[in-house]
Amino acid sequence: MNKEKHFSSMGKSTRAIHSGKLADSLFGEVSVPIFQSSTFAFPSAEEGAARFSGESPGFIYTRLNNPTVNALEDSVASLEQGFGGMATATGMAAISTVFMTYLHQGAHVVSTDSVYGSTRVLLEMELPRFGAQATFVDTSDPEKMRKALRPETRMVFIETPTNPTMILTDIEAAAQIAHQAGAILVVDNTFASPYLQRPLQHGADLVVHSLTKFLNGHSDVVGGMIVAGDEENFKKIRRVLSLFGGTMDPHQAWLILRGVRTLPLRLERAQENARHIAAFLSTHPKVTWVRYPGLPEHPQYAIAQKQMDGFGAMISFGVKNGLQGGVTVMNHVKIITLAVSLGGVESLIEHPASMTHASIPRKEREEAGILDELVRLSVGCEDFEDLREDLDQALNQIP
């Protein structure tokens, strides 16, 4: 739980830099130390018993709690303006922990159709083995979301913007629909990060992140985060996370916390690059369409203006000659790196239909807008002109 409430009234950049510090310094250190210890000694048997009973807040075992991990949890919870954060080993550990907490046998979830590939596979292929069911719809249409609800619906799970189609869902409308049905709203906020979007402030109950992406920002560590808007949900999830063991290592937490400190600088630069690249791609003769929330022609441009502080650094676009056109582009970029993941200081490009979303059946991919011609671009912090020239020469290789 976030101990530094005095940061909640400060600006986003100030919170990114200063939140998540330890309440008590050991030696006046400016950087949070790495408490690389699996277990913590008790000063007495009585204190050990008090910690296990929950009467004392001291540390017991790193799977349950760790000062370095807590610092990261406090930092991200502060950025999201939530009650408390729970760090996990990966982004998928965060998502699966939320599902295991709320989707009991017979429960139903309504999910964004173009959700991250592994999330959809988990909902569609794995959870039905335990008696939970999912319906996938275009959640940018509130009426479709409403019609997908059932009496047994316990959760509405959305991504906004979506991976990789860059579709936006009105978070406030989704929250109203979920709550009227007695369900909770969970938002995957990975693409925007809390610097640009804070779903809890728009009515969401829970937020999940792949910390691997923008919050870490250096393509060198994986991690996940769950942020709860209230104490009740926080306690429910914390118990499941500790029991299932998908918790984070302290060194992993320290690396990500270091990345969070530079989130505002990195994202402002990457976002500025993305804005110019989206405009460039929109006029390129080898590009058939561009999906970027900052373009006025984006179908949910008004929603982006309402619930986001900026339009982010992710772009999806279609190229001529379909799949082969996309392969041509990816095989000819020189500065931009051909790799999955996103949100790093370096620009990354990939082909979702054959890579990140290949495990989803073709018919379902296409229904969700994940077409063979779609290329996903994570714009980094390089010089804009270098990125523009690299894309231009690669696109011009398409016949």
Protein backbone atom coordinates (compact mmCIF):
# COMPACT_ATOMS: atom_id res chain seq x y z
CA MET A 1 0.00 0.00 0.00
CA ASN A 2 1.27 3.48 -0.85
CA LYS A 3 2.72 5.06 2.31
CA GLU A 4 3.56 8.42 0.69
CA LYS A 5 0.18 10.08 0.48
CA HIS A 6 1.76 13.56 0.35
CA PHE A 7 2.87 12.88 -3.23
CA SER A 8 -0.71 12.30 -4.41
CA SER A 9 -1.32 16.01 -4.90
CA MET A 10 1.88 16.56 -6.87
CA GLY A 11 2.50 16.40 -10.62
CA LYS A 12 3.10 13.21 -12.57
CA SER A 13 6.80 13.82 -13.12
CA THR A 14 7.39 14.62 -9.45
CA ARG A 15 5.59 11.43 -8.43
CA ALA A 16 7.54 9.33 -10.93
CA ILE A 17 10.82 10.60 -9.50
CA HIS A 18 10.05 10.72 -5.79
CA SER A 19 7.31 8.22 -4.93
CA GLY A 20 8.33 4.78 -3.71
CA LYS A 21 11.09 5.93 -1.37
CA LEU A 22 11.55 4.00 1.87
CA ALA A 23 9.86 5.53 4.91
CA ASP A 24 13.10 5.27 6.90
CA SER A 25 16.54 5.69 5.36
CA LEU A 26 19.34 3.41 6.60
CA PHE A 27 22.34 5.59 5.66
CA GLY A 28 20.81 8.56 3.85
CA GLU A 29 20.79 6.68 0.54
CA VAL A 30 19.06 8.45 -2.36
CA SER A 31 18.40 5.25 -4.31
CA VAL A 32 16.25 2.52 -2.78
CA PRO A 33 18.56 -0.38 -1.77
CA ILE A 34 18.20 -3.90 -3.15
CA PHE A 35 17.16 -6.08 -0.23
CA GLN A 36 18.36 -9.33 -1.80
CA SER A 37 17.21 -11.52 1.07
CA SER A 38 14.82 -14.45 0.87
CA THR A 39 13.87 -14.28 4.55
CA PHE A 40 13.90 -11.73 7.38
CA ALA A 41 14.94 -12.31 11.00
CA PHE A 42 12.53 -11.66 13.86
CA PRO A 43 13.81 -9.78 16.93
CA SER A 44 11.75 -12.11 19.13
CA ALA A 45 9.40 -15.07 18.94
CA GLU A 46 6.55 -12.78 19.93
CA GLU A 47 7.29 -10.41 17.04
CA GLY A 48 7.47 -13.35 14.62
CA ALA A 49 4.02 -14.49 15.76
CA ALA A 50 2.68 -10.93 15.46
CA ARG A 51 3.91 -10.65 11.86
CA PHE A 52 2.32 -13.94 10.88
CA SER A 53 -0.98 -12.94 12.46
CA GLY A 54 -0.94 -9.59 10.69
CA GLU A 55 -0.73 -7.58 13.90
CA SER A 56 2.76 -6.30 13.02
CA PRO A 57 3.71 -4.94 9.57
CA GLY A 58 7.27 -6.29 9.60
CA PHE A 59 8.79 -8.51 6.92
CA ILE A 60 8.74 -12.31 6.91
CA TYR A 61 9.69 -13.78 3.53
CA THR A 62 10.23 -12.18 0.12
CA ARG A 63 7.43 -14.12 -1.57
CA LEU A 64 5.10 -12.33 0.83
CA ASN A 65 6.76 -8.92 1.10
CA ASN A 66 10.10 -7.22 0.45
CA PRO A 67 11.17 -3.58 1.01
CA THR A 68 12.52 -3.10 -2.52
CA VAL A 69 9.46 -4.66 -4.13
CA ASN A 70 7.20 -2.59 -1.87
CA ALA A 71 8.97 0.57 -3.04
CA LEU A 72 8.10 -0.24 -6.67
CA GLU A 73 4.53 -1.10 -5.69
CA ASP A 74 4.15 2.21 -3.88
CA SER A 75 5.59 4.11 -6.83
CA VAL A 76 3.26 2.66 -9.46
CA ALA A 77 0.24 2.88 -7.14
CA SER A 78 1.05 6.56 -6.63
CA LEU A 79 1.24 7.13 -10.40
CA GLU A 80 -2.09 5.32 -10.90
CA GLN A 81 -3.57 7.10 -7.86
CA GLY A 82 -4.76 3.78 -6.49
CA PHE A 83 -4.98 2.22 -3.04
CA GLY A 84 -2.10 -0.21 -3.46
CA GLY A 85 0.08 -2.03 -5.97
CA MET A 86 1.15 -5.67 -6.22
CA ALA A 87 4.25 -6.47 -8.26
CA THR A 88 4.37 -9.75 -10.19
CA ALA A 89 7.03 -11.74 -12.00
CA THR A 90 5.62 -10.90 -15.46
CA GLY A 91 2.73 -9.04 -17.02
CA MET A 92 0.93 -12.31 -17.61
CA ALA A 93 1.40 -13.21 -13.94
CA ALA A 94 -0.50 -10.01 -13.10
CA ILE A 95 -3.33 -10.85 -15.51
CA SER A 96 -3.59 -14.52 -14.53
CA THR A 97 -3.60 -13.61 -10.82
CA VAL A 98 -6.55 -11.27 -11.36
CA PHE A 99 -8.39 -13.98 -13.30
CA MET A 100 -7.71 -16.60 -10.64
CA THR A 101 -8.98 -14.23 -7.93
CA TYR A 102 -12.36 -13.45 -9.49
CA LEU A 103 -13.25 -16.04 -12.17
CA HIS A 104 -14.56 -19.00 -10.21
CA GLN A 105 -16.33 -21.98 -11.74
CA GLY A 106 -19.32 -20.81 -13.74
CA ALA A 107 -18.13 -17.19 -13.90
CA HIS A 108 -18.15 -15.22 -17.14
CA VAL A 109 -15.93 -12.39 -18.38
CA VAL A 110 -16.49 -9.93 -21.23
CA SER A 111 -13.23 -8.98 -22.90
CA THR A 112 -11.94 -6.70 -25.64
CA ASP A 113 -11.66 -8.82 -28.80
CA SER A 114 -8.27 -7.47 -29.95
CA VAL A 115 -6.74 -7.97 -26.52
CA TYR A 116 -3.09 -9.06 -26.17
CA GLY A 117 -2.65 -12.52 -27.68
CA SER A 118 -1.61 -14.38 -24.52
CA THR A 119 -4.46 -12.82 -22.55
CA ARG A 120 -6.96 -14.05 -25.13
CA VAL A 121 -5.46 -17.53 -25.21
CA LEU A 122 -5.66 -17.72 -21.40
CA LEU A 123 -9.32 -16.68 -21.41
CA GLU A 124 -10.30 -18.75 -24.43
CA MET A 125 -8.23 -21.93 -24.07
CA GLU A 126 -7.11 -22.35 -20.46
CA LEU A 127 -9.72 -20.91 -18.09
CA PRO A 128 -12.59 -22.95 -19.58
CA ARG A 129 -10.81 -26.02 -18.15
CA PHE A 130 -11.69 -24.60 -14.72
CA GLY A 131 -15.27 -23.69 -15.60
CA ALA A 132 -14.90 -19.99 -16.51
CA GLN A 133 -16.10 -18.63 -19.85
CA ALA A 134 -15.30 -15.52 -21.91
CA THR A 135 -17.03 -13.50 -24.62
CA PHE A 136 -14.96 -11.26 -26.89
CA VAL A 137 -16.46 -8.10 -28.36
CA ASP A 138 -15.45 -4.73 -29.74
CA THR A 139 -15.57 -2.85 -26.43
CA SER A 140 -15.25 0.50 -28.21
CA ASP A 141 -18.97 0.01 -28.83
CA PRO A 142 -20.73 0.28 -25.42
CA GLU A 143 -23.88 -1.41 -26.75
CA LYS A 144 -21.93 -4.50 -27.84
CA MET A 145 -20.37 -4.63 -24.40
CA ARG A 146 -23.75 -4.38 -22.74
CA LYS A 147 -25.31 -7.09 -24.93
CA ALA A 148 -22.44 -9.49 -24.12
CA LEU A 149 -23.24 -9.42 -20.39
CA ARG A 150 -24.79 -12.46 -18.73
CA PRO A 151 -26.24 -13.00 -15.24
CA GLU A 152 -23.00 -14.82 -14.36
CA THR A 153 -20.68 -12.06 -15.68
CA ARG A 154 -18.19 -11.18 -12.94
CA MET A 155 -15.66 -9.13 -14.89
CA VAL A 156 -15.28 -6.79 -17.83
CA PHE A 157 -11.66 -6.81 -19.02
CA ILE A 158 -10.54 -4.15 -21.47
CA GLU A 159 -7.37 -2.90 -23.10
CA THR A 160 -7.28 0.70 -24.17
CA PRO A 161 -5.57 1.39 -26.49
CA THR A 162 -5.71 -2.20 -27.72
CA ASN A 163 -2.76 -4.34 -28.70
CA PRO A 164 -2.23 -4.15 -31.65
CA THR A 165 -5.21 -2.45 -33.32
CA MET A 166 -5.03 0.81 -31.31
CA ILE A 167 -8.79 0.84 -30.65
CA LEU A 168 -9.92 2.82 -27.60
CA THR A 169 -12.67 2.02 -25.11
CA ASP A 170 -14.44 4.67 -23.08
CA ILE A 171 -13.37 3.66 -19.57
CA GLU A 172 -16.11 5.59 -17.80
CA ALA A 173 -18.81 3.99 -19.96
CA ALA A 174 -17.29 0.52 -19.47
CA ALA A 175 -17.24 1.04 -15.69
CA GLN A 176 -20.91 1.99 -15.64
CA ILE A 177 -21.85 -1.04 -17.73
CA ALA A 178 -19.80 -3.42 -15.57
CA HIS A 179 -21.02 -2.05 -12.26
CA GLN A 180 -24.67 -2.06 -13.29
CA ALA A 181 -24.24 -5.79 -13.93
CA GLY A 182 -22.51 -6.37 -10.59
CA ALA A 183 -19.15 -7.00 -12.28
CA ILE A 184 -15.76 -5.37 -11.81
CA LEU A 185 -13.88 -3.47 -14.50
CA VAL A 186 -10.23 -4.37 -15.10
CA VAL A 187 -8.13 -2.24 -17.46
CA ASP A 188 -4.83 -3.27 -19.03
CA ASN A 189 -3.08 0.11 -19.08
CA THR A 190 0.21 -1.09 -20.58
CA PHE A 191 0.04 0.84 -23.87
CA ALA A 192 -0.68 4.20 -22.23
CA SER A 193 1.08 3.86 -18.87
CA PRO A 194 -0.14 5.85 -15.85
CA TYR A 195 1.73 8.88 -17.17
CA LEU A 196 -0.88 9.23 -19.93
CA GLN A 197 -3.94 7.46 -18.51
CA ARG A 198 -5.23 6.57 -15.05
CA PRO A 199 -8.23 4.22 -15.39
CA LEU A 200 -9.04 4.17 -11.67
CA GLN A 201 -9.91 7.85 -11.94
CA HIS A 202 -12.50 6.96 -14.59
CA GLY A 203 -14.26 4.25 -12.56
CA ALA A 204 -12.13 1.12 -13.10
CA ASP A 205 -11.68 -1.22 -10.13
CA LEU A 206 -8.31 -2.69 -11.08
CA VAL A 207 -5.44 -1.81 -13.40
CA VAL A 208 -2.86 -4.26 -14.72
CA HIS A 209 0.47 -3.56 -16.41
CA SER A 210 3.28 -5.31 -18.14
CA LEU A 211 6.06 -3.38 -16.39
CA THR A 212 8.37 -4.77 -19.08
CA LYS A 213 7.14 -2.06 -21.42
CA PHE A 214 7.00 1.72 -20.86
CA LEU A 215 7.36 1.71 -17.07
CA ASN A 216 10.71 -0.10 -17.25
CA GLY A 217 11.56 1.28 -20.66
CA HIS A 218 14.90 -0.37 -21.41
CA SER A 219 14.06 -3.84 -22.78
CA ASP A 220 16.14 -5.53 -20.10
CA VAL A 221 13.75 -6.93 -17.48
CA VAL A 222 10.23 -8.38 -17.31
CA GLY A 223 7.61 -7.73 -14.68
CA GLY A 224 3.95 -7.02 -14.00
CA MET A 225 1.82 -4.92 -11.69
CA ILE A 226 -1.74 -4.96 -10.35
CA VAL A 227 -3.10 -1.75 -8.83
CA ALA A 228 -6.31 -1.92 -6.81
CA GLY A 229 -8.56 1.05 -6.33
CA ASP A 230 -9.68 0.03 -2.84
CA GLU A 231 -8.57 -1.99 0.16
CA GLU A 232 -11.08 -4.82 -0.29
CA ASN A 233 -9.86 -5.77 -3.77
CA PHE A 234 -6.25 -5.23 -2.70
CA LYS A 235 -6.53 -7.79 0.10
CA LYS A 236 -8.33 -10.33 -2.10
CA ILE A 237 -5.67 -10.22 -4.78
CA ARG A 238 -2.69 -10.03 -2.44
CA ARG A 239 -3.73 -13.30 -0.82
CA VAL A 240 -4.03 -15.11 -4.16
CA LEU A 241 -0.77 -13.65 -5.47
CA SER A 242 1.15 -14.79 -2.40
CA LEU A 243 -0.37 -18.29 -2.48
CA PHE A 244 0.23 -18.86 -6.21
CA GLY A 245 3.74 -17.42 -5.95
CA GLY A 246 3.82 -15.15 -8.99
CA THR A 247 5.64 -12.46 -7.03
CA MET A 248 8.63 -10.34 -8.03
CA ASP A 249 12.31 -10.61 -7.19
CA PRO A 250 13.88 -7.57 -5.43
CA HIS A 251 16.62 -7.05 -8.01
CA GLN A 252 13.99 -7.14 -10.75
CA ALA A 253 11.98 -4.55 -8.79
CA TRP A 254 14.99 -2.27 -8.36
CA LEU A 255 15.71 -2.24 -12.10
CA ILE A 256 12.10 -1.37 -12.94
CA LEU A 257 11.94 1.30 -10.24
CA ARG A 258 14.98 2.91 -11.84
CA GLY A 259 13.13 2.90 -15.16
CA VAL A 260 10.03 4.51 -13.64
CA ARG A 261 12.13 7.53 -12.60
CA THR A 262 12.71 8.45 -16.26
CA LEU A 263 9.23 7.53 -17.57
CA PRO A 264 8.14 11.16 -18.14
CA LEU A 265 11.27 12.05 -20.11
CA ARG A 266 11.23 8.92 -22.23
CA LEU A 267 7.53 8.96 -22.99
CA GLU A 268 7.41 12.65 -23.86
CA ARG A 269 10.21 12.16 -26.40
CA ALA A 270 8.80 8.92 -27.85
CA GLN A 271 5.31 10.41 -28.05
CA GLU A 272 6.59 13.45 -29.95
CA ASN A 273 8.35 11.14 -32.40
CA ALA A 274 5.18 9.04 -32.78
CA ARG A 275 3.07 12.09 -33.58
CA HIS A 276 5.37 13.06 -36.47
CA ILE A 277 5.76 9.47 -37.71
CA ALA A 278 1.98 8.93 -37.75
CA ALA A 279 1.60 12.04 -39.90
CA PHE A 280 4.39 10.86 -42.21
CA LEU A 281 2.90 7.38 -42.61
CA SER A 282 -0.52 8.87 -43.36
CA THR A 283 0.82 10.36 -46.60
CA HIS A 284 3.11 7.52 -47.70
CA PRO A 285 2.05 5.85 -50.97
CA LYS A 286 2.87 2.34 -49.70
CA VAL A 287 0.76 2.72 -46.52
CA THR A 288 -2.96 1.89 -46.77
CA TRP A 289 -4.09 3.15 -43.34
CA VAL A 290 -2.69 4.40 -40.04
CA ARG A 291 -4.15 3.93 -36.54
CA TYR A 292 -2.79 6.40 -33.97
CA PRO A 293 -5.00 8.01 -31.28
CA GLY A 294 -3.50 11.42 -31.98
CA LEU A 295 -4.75 11.55 -35.56
CA PRO A 296 -8.10 13.38 -35.87
CA GLU A 297 -9.32 10.64 -38.22
CA HIS A 298 -8.89 7.98 -35.52
CA PRO A 299 -12.41 6.60 -34.79
CA GLN A 300 -12.03 7.23 -31.05
CA TYR A 301 -10.06 10.48 -31.24
CA ALA A 302 -12.59 12.23 -28.98
CA ILE A 303 -12.30 9.48 -26.37
CA ALA A 304 -8.51 9.80 -26.42
CA GLN A 305 -8.82 13.51 -25.78
CA LYS A 306 -11.23 12.86 -22.91
CA GLN A 307 -9.40 10.17 -20.94
CA MET A 308 -5.73 10.44 -21.95
CA ASP A 309 -3.11 13.11 -21.22
CA GLY A 310 -1.37 12.31 -24.51
CA PHE A 311 -1.60 9.90 -27.41
CA GLY A 312 1.32 7.61 -26.65
CA ALA A 313 4.09 6.06 -28.70
CA MET A 314 2.34 3.08 -30.32
CA ILE A 315 1.24 3.05 -33.96
CA SER A 316 -0.33 0.35 -36.11
CA PHE A 317 -0.53 0.70 -39.87
CA GLY A 318 -1.37 -1.32 -42.96
CA VAL A 319 0.88 -1.70 -45.97
CA LYS A 320 0.28 -2.52 -49.61
CA ASN A 321 0.79 -6.12 -50.74
CA GLY A 322 -0.58 -7.47 -47.46
CA LEU A 323 1.53 -9.94 -45.52
CA GLN A 324 4.38 -9.86 -47.99
CA GLY A 325 4.43 -6.08 -47.82
CA GLY A 326 4.79 -6.23 -44.05
CA VAL A 327 7.56 -8.82 -44.32
CA THR A 328 9.36 -6.59 -46.79
CA VAL A 329 9.24 -3.61 -44.45
CA MET A 330 10.43 -5.57 -41.45
CA ASN A 331 13.27 -7.17 -43.38
CA HIS A 332 14.56 -3.81 -44.63
CA VAL A 333 14.53 -1.54 -41.57
CA LYS A 334 18.06 -0.67 -40.44
CA ILE A 335 17.67 1.47 -37.32
CA ILE A 336 14.31 0.18 -36.10
CA THR A 337 14.68 -3.23 -34.45
CA LEU A 338 12.62 -6.23 -35.57
CA ALA A 339 11.51 -7.62 -32.22
CA VAL A 340 8.38 -8.11 -30.15
CA SER A 341 7.71 -6.15 -26.96
CA LEU A 342 7.39 -2.37 -26.85
CA GLY A 343 7.92 0.73 -24.76
CA GLY A 344 11.73 0.75 -24.79
CA VAL A 345 14.00 3.65 -25.66
CA GLU A 346 14.64 1.92 -29.00
CA SER A 347 12.00 1.68 -31.72
CA LEU A 348 10.66 -1.84 -32.29
CA ILE A 349 8.63 -3.23 -35.18
CA GLU A 350 6.76 -6.54 -35.49
CA HIS A 351 4.02 -8.37 -37.38
CA PRO A 352 1.21 -9.37 -34.96
CA ALA A 353 -0.60 -11.87 -37.23
CA SER A 354 2.50 -14.06 -37.52
CA MET A 355 4.15 -13.23 -34.19
CA THR A 356 2.44 -11.94 -31.02
CA HIS A 357 -1.09 -12.98 -32.06
CA ALA A 358 -0.29 -16.05 -34.17
CA SER A 359 -1.82 -18.40 -31.56
CA ILE A 360 -5.27 -16.87 -32.17
CA PRO A 361 -7.19 -18.59 -35.00
CA ARG A 362 -7.09 -16.61 -38.25
CA LYS A 363 -10.86 -16.02 -38.40
CA GLU A 364 -10.93 -14.60 -34.88
CA ARG A 365 -7.85 -12.46 -35.56
CA GLU A 366 -9.45 -10.91 -38.61
CA GLU A 367 -12.75 -10.33 -36.81
CA ALA A 368 -10.77 -8.40 -34.19
CA GLY A 369 -9.07 -6.30 -36.88
CA ILE A 370 -5.68 -8.03 -36.68
CA LEU A 371 -5.12 -8.27 -40.43
CA ASP A 372 -2.16 -9.73 -42.29
CA GLU A 373 -1.25 -6.25 -43.54
CA LEU A 374 -1.04 -4.81 -40.01
CA VAL A 375 2.38 -3.73 -38.76
CA ARG A 376 2.89 -2.66 -35.15
CA LEU A 377 5.45 0.02 -34.40
CA SER A 378 6.67 1.00 -30.94
CA VAL A 379 8.29 4.39 -31.42
CA GLY A 380 11.39 5.06 -29.36
CA CYS A 381 13.56 8.03 -28.46
CA GLU A 382 15.86 8.19 -31.50
CA ASP A 383 16.08 11.27 -33.72
CA PHE A 384 12.88 11.64 -35.71
CA GLU A 385 14.58 12.22 -39.06
CA ASP A 386 16.55 9.00 -38.72
CA LEU A 387 13.38 7.04 -37.99
CA ARG A 388 11.48 8.70 -40.84
CA GLU A 389 14.24 7.95 -43.35
CA ASP A 390 14.50 4.35 -42.15
CA LEU A 391 10.77 3.76 -42.55
CA ASP A 392 10.71 5.53 -45.90
CA GLN A 393 13.45 3.40 -47.45
CA ALA A 394 11.94 0.18 -46.03
CA LEU A 395 8.44 1.01 -47.29
CA ASN A 396 9.79 1.88 -50.71
CA GLN A 397 11.04 -1.72 -51.04
CA ILE A 398 7.41 -2.89 -51.35
CA PRO A 399 6.68 -3.62 -55.05
